[in-house]
Amino acid sequence: QVQLVESGGGLVQAGDSLTLSCEASGRTFSMYAMGWFRQAPGKAREFVANIAWSGPSTSYADSVKGRFTISRDNAKNTVYLQMNSLKPEDTAVYYCAAVLHDYSGHYPQVEFVYDYWGQGTQVTVSS
């Protein structure tokens, strides 16, 4: 079992920055990758970014590329999402997730392969 707890959400203005954190506990040694997803009101949950639990691999949705940065601190079992130049359309509940299966260098962007999920943290960007 892996437990994930997000923090750092809040209300900001367009153009501001915000950093989300996701602390993992439990069988963290078995994690292959972690990802951030988001769900806006009335919309499906969508991929934002992911990162390998070991190694440098990261990937981003086109909508956040160049504005968001995912990183991790293995010593703290924590993944971060640095969000810059926030836009009203970034308003959503942000979830972190962990996948255990080793996809041999491929880091999936589809939510159904992720095994564990946090409870979500609300990010609201006002215009």
Foldseek 3Di string as FASTA:
>chain_A
DKAKAKDWADEEAAQAKTKMKIAIDDPLVLFQKKFKWWDDPPGDIFGAKMAGLDDGDMDGDPVQPPFWDWDDDNVRNMIMIIGGRDDQVVWTWMKMFTARDHPPPDDDGDDVRTDDIYPTDTHGYHD
